């Protein structure tokens, strides 16, 4: 490829920078935790989805070392060719028990879990009813399926009912929604959506990436939160957020999970989780089964931070979870705000288009059980000073 053939990319990157939308990725020089080291400086970390502080937990590190000594590192190939490791089976059984589901399958990430699940359930001639703010992985999985995609207004059950009534030509039908919406922190009304699915005999799928380890008893997720065990057909989740590791999961009814083993393309054509990942995930699940301490601490931290930010005069949107969006409006302001936070010792990234709509740029604060109350007070002081300096409050 000649330089001339890719010259348009330079123009597009320049346009992103001019609009304040160019993503500059920081380099972390320490373990992922409540504090991280960047450019030789220690900063308070409010960027990670490490809700429970497990990404650097001693118990997970020990589990990884022990498993590597026993099993090595890699799985060798896809599980359908090289066989499945006993660690993978153990993890899937423990996740199913933790989720209160009949069965579970693990994949390489939450993103690939959606890419595996949606095209395996619906295809050309079928219909997907999808919340308009669903995650990119749901959107991509839906596009790959070649089913007709009908978007309904965000968390609007009445609009979902109307869209279902208006869509009269279909083979199979699927309703899919995020559980917790990652940019705003609000929760899908899954109990009401479940009623609609049952009334119309439609498959129901929820992507609970930001509910795993956060919602429900001891972090069992949104299905547990609403008491919907046995009524939601498919729960997709991730092991890279609250569990602190890497990987994706699909939990649900036994026939659905078995079908994914037969027809889920990322399962069939990409290698399984590594031994270290699997062992660390096992340790994380065991910790959540044993105690609600970390989940309780997460929610206590989130409640304190959210209350004090609102008292300072910040707009924190419609959040119902430990995700706290600090709404700023335009992308250049959000980037400037993030840079000033960084200079003052707080790592909290600006989020702009296309991750959120134009005019809805924000700082997304991710609370964690890894933060102490002193950490939160320090962060609140920095947010206050920067907010006043930039005329936000």
Protein backbone atom coordinates (compact mmCIF):
# COMPACT_ATOMS: atom_id res chain seq x y z
CA UNK A 1 0.00 0.00 0.00
CA UNK A 2 1.40 3.41 -0.97
CA UNK A 3 1.45 6.48 1.26
CA UNK A 4 -0.98 8.11 -1.14
CA UNK A 5 -3.51 5.31 -0.63
CA UNK A 6 -3.68 5.98 3.10
CA UNK A 7 -3.31 9.77 3.01
CA UNK A 8 -6.99 10.13 3.88
CA UNK A 9 -6.26 8.62 7.31
CA UNK A 10 -3.95 11.54 8.17
CA UNK A 11 -6.75 13.95 7.26
CA UNK A 12 -9.26 12.07 9.42
CA UNK A 13 -6.89 12.00 12.40
CA UNK A 14 -6.25 15.74 12.05
CA UNK A 15 -10.02 16.30 12.04
CA UNK A 16 -10.40 14.24 15.21
CA UNK A 17 -7.73 16.30 16.95
CA UNK A 18 -9.35 19.57 15.84
CA UNK A 19 -12.72 18.45 17.20
CA UNK A 20 -11.29 17.33 20.54
CA UNK A 21 -12.16 13.70 19.75
CA UNK A 22 -8.69 12.19 19.35
CA UNK A 23 -8.13 9.47 21.92
CA UNK A 24 -4.73 9.68 23.61
CA UNK A 25 -4.09 6.45 25.48
CA UNK A 26 -2.08 6.68 28.69
CA UNK A 27 0.59 4.09 29.50
CA UNK A 28 0.21 2.41 32.91
CA UNK A 29 3.50 1.53 34.61
CA UNK A 30 2.06 -0.29 37.63
CA UNK A 31 -0.59 -2.87 38.51
CA UNK A 32 -4.18 -1.83 37.80
CA UNK A 33 -5.51 -0.68 41.16
CA UNK A 34 -7.06 2.26 43.00
CA UNK A 35 -3.79 4.12 42.39
CA UNK A 36 -1.72 3.73 39.22
CA UNK A 37 1.64 5.03 38.04
CA UNK A 38 1.75 7.05 34.81
CA UNK A 39 4.83 8.90 33.60
CA UNK A 40 6.49 8.08 36.91
CA UNK A 41 3.69 9.71 38.94
CA UNK A 42 1.18 8.05 41.25
CA UNK A 43 -2.40 9.03 40.42
CA UNK A 44 -5.83 8.17 41.77
CA UNK A 45 -7.42 5.86 39.22
CA UNK A 46 -11.06 6.49 38.27
CA UNK A 47 -10.88 5.06 34.74
CA UNK A 48 -10.88 1.31 35.23
CA UNK A 49 -13.89 -1.02 35.31
CA UNK A 50 -12.07 -2.76 38.17
CA UNK A 51 -15.14 -2.38 40.39
CA UNK A 52 -14.05 -4.69 43.20
CA UNK A 53 -10.30 -4.07 43.07
CA UNK A 54 -9.64 -7.68 42.05
CA UNK A 55 -7.30 -6.93 39.13
CA UNK A 56 -4.33 -6.85 41.53
CA UNK A 57 -5.70 -8.94 44.38
CA UNK A 58 -3.16 -11.23 46.13
CA UNK A 59 -5.55 -14.20 46.06
CA UNK A 60 -5.90 -14.00 42.28
CA UNK A 61 -2.14 -13.64 41.81
CA UNK A 62 -1.52 -16.72 43.94
CA UNK A 63 -4.15 -18.72 42.04
CA UNK A 64 -2.48 -17.80 38.74
CA UNK A 65 0.98 -18.87 39.92
CA UNK A 66 -0.31 -22.20 41.23
CA UNK A 67 -2.27 -22.95 38.04
CA UNK A 68 0.63 -22.12 35.74
CA UNK A 69 2.87 -24.50 37.71
CA UNK A 70 0.27 -27.26 37.27
CA UNK A 71 -1.22 -26.62 33.80
CA UNK A 72 1.21 -24.40 31.93
CA UNK A 73 0.01 -21.25 30.17
CA UNK A 74 -1.92 -21.74 26.92
CA UNK A 75 -4.88 -23.93 25.88
CA UNK A 76 -3.17 -25.02 22.63
CA UNK A 77 -6.06 -24.41 20.22
CA UNK A 78 -9.82 -24.07 20.13
CA UNK A 79 -11.58 -26.35 22.60
CA UNK A 80 -13.40 -28.32 19.91
CA UNK A 81 -10.04 -29.36 18.42
CA UNK A 82 -7.54 -29.53 21.26
CA UNK A 83 -10.05 -30.53 23.93
CA UNK A 84 -11.18 -28.47 26.87
CA UNK A 85 -9.14 -28.09 30.04
CA UNK A 86 -10.59 -29.15 33.36
CA UNK A 87 -10.08 -25.57 34.58
CA UNK A 88 -12.51 -24.29 31.94
CA UNK A 89 -15.16 -26.81 32.99
CA UNK A 90 -14.70 -25.93 36.66
CA UNK A 91 -15.01 -22.21 35.93
CA UNK A 92 -18.18 -22.68 33.86
CA UNK A 93 -19.79 -24.84 36.53
CA UNK A 94 -18.98 -22.33 39.28
CA UNK A 95 -20.21 -19.40 37.18
CA UNK A 96 -23.50 -21.20 36.45
CA UNK A 97 -23.99 -21.86 40.16
CA UNK A 98 -23.07 -18.27 41.04
CA UNK A 99 -25.52 -16.91 38.45
CA UNK A 100 -28.28 -19.37 39.38
CA UNK A 101 -28.39 -20.55 35.75
CA UNK A 102 -28.68 -24.03 34.25
CA UNK A 103 -25.39 -23.78 32.35
CA UNK A 104 -22.59 -21.44 31.29
CA UNK A 105 -20.02 -21.12 28.52
CA UNK A 106 -16.90 -18.93 28.63
CA UNK A 107 -15.36 -17.06 25.71
CA UNK A 108 -12.44 -14.74 25.05
CA UNK A 109 -14.21 -11.49 26.01
CA UNK A 110 -17.62 -9.95 26.62
CA UNK A 111 -17.45 -8.54 23.09
CA UNK A 112 -16.93 -11.97 21.53
CA UNK A 113 -19.64 -13.41 23.77
CA UNK A 114 -22.15 -11.16 22.02
CA UNK A 115 -20.65 -11.92 18.61
CA UNK A 116 -21.05 -15.63 19.37
CA UNK A 117 -24.53 -15.51 20.82
CA UNK A 118 -26.66 -13.24 18.64
CA UNK A 119 -25.83 -14.76 15.20
CA UNK A 120 -26.28 -18.24 16.67
CA UNK A 121 -29.82 -17.44 17.78
CA UNK A 122 -31.21 -15.35 14.91
CA UNK A 123 -30.45 -14.84 11.22
CA UNK A 124 -31.85 -13.63 7.94
CA UNK A 125 -35.65 -13.39 8.16
CA UNK A 126 -35.60 -12.98 11.94
CA UNK A 127 -36.03 -9.81 14.05
CA UNK A 128 -33.98 -8.28 16.87
CA UNK A 129 -35.56 -5.66 19.15
CA UNK A 130 -32.61 -3.68 20.51
CA UNK A 131 -32.37 -0.76 22.94
CA UNK A 132 -31.07 2.28 21.06
CA UNK A 133 -28.18 2.71 23.55
CA UNK A 134 -26.99 -0.89 23.52
CA UNK A 135 -23.24 -1.55 23.55
CA UNK A 136 -21.25 -1.69 20.31
CA UNK A 137 -20.76 -5.44 20.71
CA UNK A 138 -24.54 -5.97 20.64
CA UNK A 139 -24.79 -3.74 17.58
CA UNK A 140 -22.01 -5.62 15.80
CA UNK A 141 -23.40 -9.02 16.77
CA UNK A 142 -26.81 -7.99 15.49
CA UNK A 143 -25.37 -6.80 12.18
CA UNK A 144 -23.45 -10.06 11.77
CA UNK A 145 -26.64 -12.07 12.27
CA UNK A 146 -28.26 -10.40 9.21
CA UNK A 147 -31.55 -10.30 11.09
CA UNK A 148 -33.74 -7.22 10.84
CA UNK A 149 -32.83 -4.79 13.64
CA UNK A 150 -35.67 -2.79 15.21
CA UNK A 151 -34.44 -0.20 17.71
CA UNK A 152 -36.69 0.93 20.54
CA UNK A 153 -36.33 4.08 22.62
CA UNK A 154 -33.93 3.79 25.52
CA UNK A 155 -35.45 1.87 28.46
CA UNK A 156 -38.91 2.62 27.04
CA UNK A 157 -41.07 -0.48 27.56
CA UNK A 158 -44.12 1.14 25.95
CA UNK A 159 -42.12 1.84 22.80
CA UNK A 160 -40.82 -1.74 22.82
CA UNK A 161 -44.40 -3.01 22.94
CA UNK A 162 -45.35 -0.74 20.06
CA UNK A 163 -42.38 -1.82 17.94
CA UNK A 164 -43.26 -5.47 18.52
CA UNK A 165 -46.87 -4.87 17.52
CA UNK A 166 -45.80 -3.04 14.37
CA UNK A 167 -43.36 -5.77 13.28
CA UNK A 168 -45.55 -8.47 11.79
CA UNK A 169 -43.16 -10.32 9.48
CA UNK A 170 -40.59 -12.45 11.24
CA UNK A 171 -39.22 -15.93 11.78
CA UNK A 172 -37.64 -15.97 15.23
CA UNK A 173 -37.57 -12.91 17.50
CA UNK A 174 -35.06 -11.71 20.08
CA UNK A 175 -35.18 -8.83 22.57
CA UNK A 176 -31.71 -7.69 23.66
CA UNK A 177 -30.70 -5.00 26.13
CA UNK A 178 -27.75 -3.94 28.21
CA UNK A 179 -28.33 -4.52 31.92
CA UNK A 180 -26.38 -1.48 33.10
CA UNK A 181 -25.69 1.14 30.44
CA UNK A 182 -22.00 1.86 30.72
CA UNK A 183 -21.92 5.53 29.79
CA UNK A 184 -24.86 6.74 31.93
CA UNK A 185 -24.94 4.15 34.70
CA UNK A 186 -28.70 3.56 34.48
CA UNK A 187 -30.33 0.15 34.78
CA UNK A 188 -32.62 -1.51 32.22
CA UNK A 189 -36.17 -2.20 33.52
CA UNK A 190 -35.54 -5.89 32.97
CA UNK A 191 -38.56 -6.99 35.00
CA UNK A 192 -40.91 -5.09 32.66
CA UNK A 193 -39.00 -6.16 29.54
CA UNK A 194 -39.26 -9.77 30.73
CA UNK A 195 -43.04 -9.44 30.96
CA UNK A 196 -43.15 -8.18 27.37
CA UNK A 197 -40.97 -11.08 26.19
CA UNK A 198 -43.17 -13.64 27.93
CA UNK A 199 -46.41 -12.10 26.67
CA UNK A 200 -45.13 -12.30 23.09
CA UNK A 201 -43.14 -15.55 23.33
CA UNK A 202 -39.88 -13.80 22.38
CA UNK A 203 -36.37 -14.83 23.41
CA UNK A 204 -34.87 -12.41 25.95
CA UNK A 205 -31.16 -11.65 26.21
CA UNK A 206 -29.39 -9.23 28.56
CA UNK A 207 -25.77 -8.09 28.40
CA UNK A 208 -24.87 -7.70 32.06
CA UNK A 209 -21.24 -6.64 31.58
CA UNK A 210 -21.52 -3.79 34.11
CA UNK A 211 -23.90 -5.66 36.41
CA UNK A 212 -21.66 -8.67 37.01
CA UNK A 213 -20.10 -8.28 40.45
CA UNK A 214 -22.12 -5.11 41.03
CA UNK A 215 -25.88 -5.73 41.05
CA UNK A 216 -27.75 -8.45 42.92
CA UNK A 217 -26.79 -10.34 46.05
CA UNK A 218 -23.01 -10.43 46.25
CA UNK A 219 -22.74 -9.21 42.65
CA UNK A 220 -24.77 -11.99 41.01
CA UNK A 221 -26.07 -9.57 38.41
CA UNK A 222 -29.22 -7.97 37.08
CA UNK A 223 -31.26 -11.18 36.85
CA UNK A 224 -30.69 -11.72 40.57
CA UNK A 225 -31.32 -8.01 41.22
CA UNK A 226 -34.84 -8.34 39.80
CA UNK A 227 -35.44 -11.93 40.96
CA UNK A 228 -35.85 -13.21 37.39
CA UNK A 229 -34.02 -16.54 37.65
CA UNK A 230 -35.30 -18.99 35.04
CA UNK A 231 -37.19 -16.28 33.14
CA UNK A 232 -34.33 -14.64 31.20
CA UNK A 233 -33.13 -16.91 28.39
CA UNK A 234 -29.58 -15.58 27.95
CA UNK A 235 -27.24 -13.59 30.21
CA UNK A 236 -24.05 -12.35 28.59
CA UNK A 237 -21.34 -11.06 30.88
CA UNK A 238 -17.68 -10.21 31.10
CA UNK A 239 -14.88 -11.33 33.36
CA UNK A 240 -12.77 -8.25 32.62
CA UNK A 241 -14.60 -5.73 34.80
CA UNK A 242 -15.70 -6.60 38.34
CA UNK A 243 -13.93 -9.99 38.15
CA UNK A 244 -10.72 -8.12 37.34
CA UNK A 245 -9.38 -10.52 34.71
CA UNK A 246 -10.31 -11.21 31.07
CA UNK A 247 -12.98 -13.17 29.24
CA UNK A 248 -16.68 -13.37 28.55
CA UNK A 249 -19.50 -15.63 29.67
CA UNK A 250 -22.94 -16.66 28.53
CA UNK A 251 -25.25 -18.15 31.14
CA UNK A 252 -28.73 -19.47 30.59
CA UNK A 253 -30.82 -22.48 29.79
CA UNK A 254 -28.97 -25.70 28.99
CA UNK A 255 -30.13 -26.02 25.34
CA UNK A 256 -29.00 -22.46 24.54
CA UNK A 257 -25.54 -23.03 26.01
CA UNK A 258 -25.14 -26.36 24.22
CA UNK A 259 -26.15 -24.71 20.94
CA UNK A 260 -23.43 -22.08 21.43
CA UNK A 261 -20.87 -24.86 21.82
CA UNK A 262 -22.00 -26.14 18.43
CA UNK A 263 -22.55 -22.89 16.53
CA UNK A 264 -20.95 -19.97 18.41
CA UNK A 265 -18.26 -18.92 15.92
CA UNK A 266 -15.82 -17.29 18.40
CA UNK A 267 -16.03 -20.48 20.47
CA UNK A 268 -15.43 -22.67 17.41
CA UNK A 269 -12.71 -20.64 15.73
CA UNK A 270 -10.71 -18.90 18.45
CA UNK A 271 -8.65 -20.35 21.30
CA UNK A 272 -10.04 -20.55 24.80
CA UNK A 273 -9.10 -18.45 27.82
CA UNK A 274 -5.51 -18.97 28.93
CA UNK A 275 -4.68 -20.91 32.10
CA UNK A 276 -3.76 -17.74 34.06
CA UNK A 277 -7.01 -16.02 33.06
CA UNK A 278 -9.12 -19.04 33.94
CA UNK A 279 -7.46 -19.60 37.31
CA UNK A 280 -7.78 -15.94 38.26
CA UNK A 281 -11.48 -15.94 37.29
CA UNK A 282 -12.06 -19.03 39.42
CA UNK A 283 -10.51 -17.30 42.42
CA UNK A 284 -12.66 -14.21 41.83
CA UNK A 285 -15.89 -16.22 41.67
CA UNK A 286 -14.96 -18.06 44.85
CA UNK A 287 -14.35 -14.76 46.65
CA UNK A 288 -17.75 -13.41 45.63
CA UNK A 289 -19.45 -16.63 46.73
CA UNK A 290 -17.82 -16.37 50.15
CA UNK A 291 -18.52 -12.75 51.04
CA UNK A 292 -20.38 -9.57 49.97
CA UNK A 293 -17.73 -7.34 51.58
CA UNK A 294 -16.21 -5.98 48.36
CA UNK A 295 -19.58 -5.36 46.71
CA UNK A 296 -20.83 -3.56 49.82
CA UNK A 297 -17.70 -1.39 49.91
CA UNK A 298 -18.12 -0.53 46.23
CA UNK A 299 -21.69 0.71 46.76
CA UNK A 300 -20.73 2.66 49.89
CA UNK A 301 -17.94 4.41 47.99
CA UNK A 302 -20.24 5.14 45.05
CA UNK A 303 -22.95 6.60 47.27
CA UNK A 304 -20.48 8.92 49.00
CA UNK A 305 -18.86 10.12 45.79
CA UNK A 306 -22.14 10.67 43.95
CA UNK A 307 -23.73 12.58 46.84
CA UNK A 308 -20.76 14.89 47.29
CA UNK A 309 -20.38 15.55 43.56
CA UNK A 310 -24.04 16.57 43.39
CA UNK A 311 -23.59 18.77 46.46
CA UNK A 312 -20.71 20.51 44.66
CA UNK A 313 -23.07 21.28 41.77
CA UNK A 314 -21.95 18.75 39.17
CA UNK A 315 -24.47 17.16 36.81
CA UNK A 316 -24.18 13.39 37.29
CA UNK A 317 -26.93 12.46 34.86
CA UNK A 318 -29.31 9.58 35.54
CA UNK A 319 -26.90 7.08 37.08
CA UNK A 320 -28.23 4.36 39.41
CA UNK A 321 -24.92 2.53 39.83
CA UNK A 322 -21.26 3.13 40.79
CA UNK A 323 -20.73 4.62 37.30
CA UNK A 324 -20.82 8.41 37.78
CA UNK A 325 -20.87 10.48 34.57
CA UNK A 326 -19.80 14.09 35.07
CA UNK A 327 -21.73 15.74 32.26
CA UNK A 328 -19.80 18.53 30.52
CA UNK A 329 -21.35 18.84 27.06
CA UNK A 330 -18.69 19.56 24.47
CA UNK A 331 -15.72 17.30 23.81
CA UNK A 332 -12.98 19.99 23.99
CA UNK A 333 -14.15 21.00 27.48
CA UNK A 334 -14.22 17.36 28.59
CA UNK A 335 -10.68 16.81 27.30
CA UNK A 336 -9.43 19.97 29.00
CA UNK A 337 -11.15 18.95 32.25
CA UNK A 338 -9.55 15.50 32.08
CA UNK A 339 -6.10 17.00 31.44
CA UNK A 340 -6.44 19.32 34.44
CA UNK A 341 -7.53 16.42 36.64
CA UNK A 342 -4.47 14.50 35.47
CA UNK A 343 -2.19 17.40 36.33
CA UNK A 344 -3.75 17.46 39.82
CA UNK A 345 -3.25 13.72 40.40
CA UNK A 346 -6.57 12.21 39.28
CA UNK A 347 -6.77 9.88 36.29
CA UNK A 348 -10.29 10.19 34.82
CA UNK A 349 -10.68 10.16 31.05
CA UNK A 350 -12.93 12.26 28.85
CA UNK A 351 -15.60 10.37 26.90
CA UNK A 352 -16.87 11.89 23.65
CA UNK A 353 -18.39 11.01 20.29
CA UNK A 354 -18.80 8.30 18.98
CA UNK A 355 -18.86 6.59 22.38
CA UNK A 356 -21.57 9.05 23.46
CA UNK A 357 -23.71 11.39 21.30
CA UNK A 358 -22.33 14.75 20.21
CA UNK A 359 -22.93 17.38 22.87
CA UNK A 360 -22.97 14.73 25.62
CA UNK A 361 -19.24 14.58 26.39
CA UNK A 362 -18.34 13.78 29.96
CA UNK A 363 -15.83 12.54 32.47
CA UNK A 364 -16.92 9.02 33.41
CA UNK A 365 -15.90 8.27 36.99
CA UNK A 366 -15.59 4.57 37.78
CA UNK A 367 -15.78 3.96 41.52
CA UNK A 368 -14.02 0.95 43.00
CA UNK A 369 -13.82 -1.00 46.24
CA UNK A 370 -10.06 -0.39 45.91
CA UNK A 371 -10.56 3.27 46.91
CA UNK A 372 -10.44 4.39 50.52
CA UNK A 373 -12.60 7.22 51.82
CA UNK A 374 -9.46 9.36 51.96
CA UNK A 375 -8.98 8.65 48.23
CA UNK A 376 -12.52 9.82 47.54
CA UNK A 377 -12.10 12.99 49.60
CA UNK A 378 -8.89 13.80 47.71
CA UNK A 379 -10.61 13.24 44.37
CA UNK A 380 -13.60 15.37 45.37
CA UNK A 381 -11.28 18.23 46.32
CA UNK A 382 -9.59 18.06 42.91
CA UNK A 383 -12.90 17.91 41.04
CA UNK A 384 -14.12 20.93 42.99
CA UNK A 385 -11.04 23.02 42.21
CA UNK A 386 -10.97 22.09 38.52
CA UNK A 387 -14.72 22.54 38.17
CA UNK A 388 -14.53 26.08 39.55
CA UNK A 389 -11.47 26.91 37.49
CA UNK A 390 -13.19 25.88 34.24
CA UNK A 391 -16.54 27.41 35.13
CA UNK A 392 -18.40 24.10 35.31
CA UNK A 393 -19.66 24.70 38.87
